[in-house]
């Protein structure tokens, strides 16, 4: 599997407050970004996999809502995570 529990802990440790704090918006956004990149690569090879395509669209929406929440509550944290992950918006 591409996403193990150790990999998740690494994301939350790097982007969140700690490896056990899975609720921070930054950690969730980083995890969603990793999953989006993985599904995008999968869809490049499997163009007719519509279930994965739907999952990708849902993940992008979840990440967008998290980013909107972060932007509304703390603009500096929003700018930092966008810059760190290399997101366009």
Protein backbone atom coordinates (compact mmCIF):
# COMPACT_ATOMS: atom_id res chain seq x y z
CA UNK A 1 0.00 0.00 0.00
CA UNK A 2 1.24 3.45 -0.84
CA UNK A 3 0.13 5.11 2.42
CA UNK A 4 1.20 3.36 5.60
CA UNK A 5 0.62 4.49 9.16
CA UNK A 6 4.31 5.44 9.46
CA UNK A 7 3.98 7.66 6.38
CA UNK A 8 0.89 9.33 7.88
CA UNK A 9 2.71 9.96 11.16
CA UNK A 10 5.56 11.50 9.20
CA UNK A 11 3.16 13.91 7.45
CA UNK A 12 1.50 14.94 10.69
CA UNK A 13 4.85 15.36 12.42
CA UNK A 14 6.25 17.49 9.60
CA UNK A 15 3.21 19.66 8.89
CA UNK A 16 1.15 19.41 12.09
CA UNK A 17 1.90 19.92 15.75
CA UNK A 18 3.04 16.35 16.35
CA UNK A 19 2.80 12.84 14.99
CA UNK A 20 -0.30 12.05 17.07
CA UNK A 21 -2.15 15.31 16.34
CA UNK A 22 -4.10 14.30 13.24
CA UNK A 23 -6.68 17.07 13.45
CA UNK A 24 -4.61 20.04 12.37
CA UNK A 25 -5.66 21.55 9.08
CA UNK A 26 -2.06 21.70 7.83
CA UNK A 27 -1.52 17.98 8.40
CA UNK A 28 -4.77 17.05 6.71
CA UNK A 29 -4.02 19.31 3.74
CA UNK A 30 -0.58 17.73 3.35
CA UNK A 31 -2.07 14.24 3.50
CA UNK A 32 -4.74 15.14 0.95
CA UNK A 33 -2.07 16.61 -1.33
CA UNK A 34 -0.05 13.38 -1.18
CA UNK A 35 -3.13 11.29 -1.94
CA UNK A 36 -4.16 13.61 -4.80
CA UNK A 37 -0.72 13.28 -6.38
CA UNK A 38 -0.88 9.48 -6.09
CA UNK A 39 -4.35 9.26 -7.64
CA UNK A 40 -3.35 11.64 -10.42
CA UNK A 41 -0.45 9.37 -11.36
CA UNK A 42 -2.78 6.36 -11.25
CA UNK A 43 -5.27 8.06 -13.57
CA UNK A 44 -2.55 8.90 -16.10
CA UNK A 45 -2.07 5.16 -16.64
CA UNK A 46 -5.72 4.12 -16.17
CA UNK A 47 -7.80 6.68 -18.03
CA UNK A 48 -11.09 4.76 -17.77
CA UNK A 49 -10.99 4.22 -14.00
CA UNK A 50 -13.98 6.38 -13.22
CA UNK A 51 -14.29 5.33 -9.57
CA UNK A 52 -10.80 6.62 -8.88
CA UNK A 53 -11.59 9.75 -10.85
CA UNK A 54 -14.59 10.41 -8.63
CA UNK A 55 -12.50 9.82 -5.52
CA UNK A 56 -9.91 12.28 -6.81
CA UNK A 57 -12.56 14.95 -7.36
CA UNK A 58 -13.91 14.42 -3.84
CA UNK A 59 -10.39 14.69 -2.36
CA UNK A 60 -9.72 17.91 -4.22
CA UNK A 61 -12.96 19.32 -2.81
CA UNK A 62 -12.02 18.27 0.73
CA UNK A 63 -8.61 19.91 0.40
CA UNK A 64 -10.21 23.06 -1.01
CA UNK A 65 -12.62 23.27 1.95
CA UNK A 66 -9.75 22.81 4.42
CA UNK A 67 -7.77 25.55 2.67
CA UNK A 68 -10.79 27.87 2.72
CA UNK A 69 -11.26 27.21 6.45
CA UNK A 70 -7.60 27.90 7.15
CA UNK A 71 -7.72 31.07 5.06
CA UNK A 72 -10.73 32.34 6.99
CA UNK A 73 -9.31 31.57 10.44
CA UNK A 74 -5.57 32.25 10.14
CA UNK A 75 -4.20 33.76 6.93
CA UNK A 76 -0.54 33.35 7.95
CA UNK A 77 -0.90 29.58 8.47
CA UNK A 78 -2.70 29.42 5.13
CA UNK A 79 0.10 31.24 3.31
CA UNK A 80 2.74 29.08 4.98
CA UNK A 81 1.13 25.76 4.01
CA UNK A 82 0.44 26.89 0.44
CA UNK A 83 4.04 27.97 0.04
CA UNK A 84 5.44 24.84 1.69
CA UNK A 85 3.36 22.43 -0.40
CA UNK A 86 3.73 24.42 -3.60
CA UNK A 87 0.02 24.85 -4.20
CA UNK A 88 -0.96 27.46 -6.72
CA UNK A 89 -3.67 29.25 -4.81
